[in-house]
Amino acid sequence: MLKANQKYVLKNYMLQEAILLAQKGDFSMVQTLLHIARKPYDELPEFEHFTQETPEEYKNIGLSCSS
């Protein structure tokens, strides 16, 4: 099961946060998400909060390809 289902799935609200920070010159979230995307099946305890359900306030955020 662990080999078939990745632990980390990038979600729209995470990407939106990374975009907003990058627009201000802070690419730390981009680097974090890139690290997670490269190892979606690994145990990464420091990023465990990214495995949680999407917070209610972010459930309707949508991104377009141009984002």
C-alpha atoms as a PDB file:
ATOM      1  CA  MET A   1       0.000   0.000   0.000  1.00  0.00           C
ATOM      2  CA  LEU A   2       2.788   2.466   0.894  1.00  0.00           C
ATOM      3  CA  LYS A   3       4.462   1.845  -2.469  1.00  0.00           C
ATOM      4  CA  ALA A   4       1.230   2.576  -4.363  1.00  0.00           C
ATOM      5  CA  ASN A   5      -0.028   5.586  -2.400  1.00  0.00           C
ATOM      6  CA  GLN A   6       2.197   8.536  -1.857  1.00  0.00           C
ATOM      7  CA  LYS A   7       2.163  10.129   1.565  1.00  0.00           C
ATOM      8  CA  TYR A   8       2.546  13.704   0.335  1.00  0.00           C
ATOM      9  CA  VAL A   9       0.227  15.260  -2.227  1.00  0.00           C
ATOM     10  CA  LEU A  10       0.730  18.900  -3.117  1.00  0.00           C
ATOM     11  CA  LYS A  11      -2.525  20.792  -2.759  1.00  0.00           C
ATOM     12  CA  ASN A  12      -3.722  24.079  -4.213  1.00  0.00           C
ATOM     13  CA  TYR A  13      -3.480  26.012  -0.950  1.00  0.00           C
ATOM     14  CA  MET A  14       0.153  24.942  -0.497  1.00  0.00           C
ATOM     15  CA  LEU A  15       1.012  26.024  -4.011  1.00  0.00           C
ATOM     16  CA  GLN A  16      -0.821  29.330  -3.565  1.00  0.00           C
ATOM     17  CA  GLU A  17       1.162  30.056  -0.404  1.00  0.00           C
ATOM     18  CA  ALA A  18       4.401  29.281  -2.257  1.00  0.00           C
ATOM     19  CA  ILE A  19       3.389  31.602  -5.100  1.00  0.00           C
ATOM     20  CA  LEU A  20       2.539  34.479  -2.767  1.00  0.00           C
ATOM     21  CA  LEU A  21       5.832  34.145  -0.897  1.00  0.00           C
ATOM     22  CA  ALA A  22       7.825  33.835  -4.138  1.00  0.00           C
ATOM     23  CA  GLN A  23       6.247  37.031  -5.439  1.00  0.00           C
ATOM     24  CA  LYS A  24       7.782  38.709  -2.391  1.00  0.00           C
ATOM     25  CA  GLY A  25      11.176  37.158  -3.098  1.00  0.00           C
ATOM     26  CA  ASP A  26      10.907  34.339  -0.532  1.00  0.00           C
ATOM     27  CA  PHE A  27      11.379  31.006  -2.286  1.00  0.00           C
ATOM     28  CA  SER A  28      11.572  28.902   0.894  1.00  0.00           C
ATOM     29  CA  MET A  29       8.113  27.365   0.417  1.00  0.00           C
ATOM     30  CA  VAL A  30       8.906  26.601  -3.232  1.00  0.00           C
ATOM     31  CA  GLN A  31      12.042  24.769  -2.078  1.00  0.00           C
ATOM     32  CA  THR A  32      10.094  22.904   0.609  1.00  0.00           C
ATOM     33  CA  LEU A  33       7.395  21.766  -1.805  1.00  0.00           C
ATOM     34  CA  LEU A  34       9.997  20.767  -4.368  1.00  0.00           C
ATOM     35  CA  HIS A  35      11.742  18.641  -1.729  1.00  0.00           C
ATOM     36  CA  ILE A  36       8.447  16.974  -0.801  1.00  0.00           C
ATOM     37  CA  ALA A  37       7.477  16.423  -4.448  1.00  0.00           C
ATOM     38  CA  ARG A  38      10.763  14.634  -5.064  1.00  0.00           C
ATOM     39  CA  LYS A  39      10.120  12.214  -2.164  1.00  0.00           C
ATOM     40  CA  PRO A  40       6.339  11.751  -1.952  1.00  0.00           C
ATOM     41  CA  TYR A  41       6.564   8.210  -0.532  1.00  0.00           C
ATOM     42  CA  ASP A  42       9.201   8.909   2.118  1.00  0.00           C
ATOM     43  CA  GLU A  43       8.668   9.568   5.800  1.00  0.00           C
ATOM     44  CA  LEU A  44       9.537  13.232   6.302  1.00  0.00           C
ATOM     45  CA  PRO A  45       8.631  13.979   9.938  1.00  0.00           C
ATOM     46  CA  GLU A  46       9.430  17.680   9.637  1.00  0.00           C
ATOM     47  CA  PHE A  47       6.742  17.977   6.939  1.00  0.00           C
ATOM     48  CA  GLU A  48       4.079  15.837   8.598  1.00  0.00           C
ATOM     49  CA  HIS A  49       1.708  18.838   8.687  1.00  0.00           C
ATOM     50  CA  PHE A  50       1.503  18.632   4.882  1.00  0.00           C
ATOM     51  CA  THR A  51      -0.275  15.261   5.186  1.00  0.00           C
ATOM     52  CA  GLN A  52      -3.267  16.746   6.974  1.00  0.00           C
ATOM     53  CA  GLU A  53      -6.631  17.385   5.369  1.00  0.00           C
ATOM     54  CA  THR A  54      -6.984  20.676   3.530  1.00  0.00           C
ATOM     55  CA  PRO A  55      -8.048  23.385   6.019  1.00  0.00           C
ATOM     56  CA  GLU A  56     -11.670  24.430   5.544  1.00  0.00           C
ATOM     57  CA  GLU A  57     -10.783  28.012   4.575  1.00  0.00           C
ATOM     58  CA  TYR A  58      -8.730  26.737   1.628  1.00  0.00           C
ATOM     59  CA  LYS A  59     -11.051  24.065   0.236  1.00  0.00           C
ATOM     60  CA  ASN A  60     -12.331  26.234  -2.642  1.00  0.00           C
ATOM     61  CA  ILE A  61      -9.041  27.688  -3.860  1.00  0.00           C
ATOM     62  CA  GLY A  62      -8.338  26.950  -7.504  1.00  0.00           C
ATOM     63  CA  LEU A  63      -5.217  27.618  -9.512  1.00  0.00           C
ATOM     64  CA  SER A  64      -4.946  27.910 -13.253  1.00  0.00           C
ATOM     65  CA  CYS A  65      -2.089  26.731 -15.418  1.00  0.00           C
ATOM     66  CA  SER A  66      -0.930  30.338 -15.684  1.00  0.00           C
ATOM     67  CA  SER A  67      -0.390  30.537 -11.919  1.00  0.00           C
END
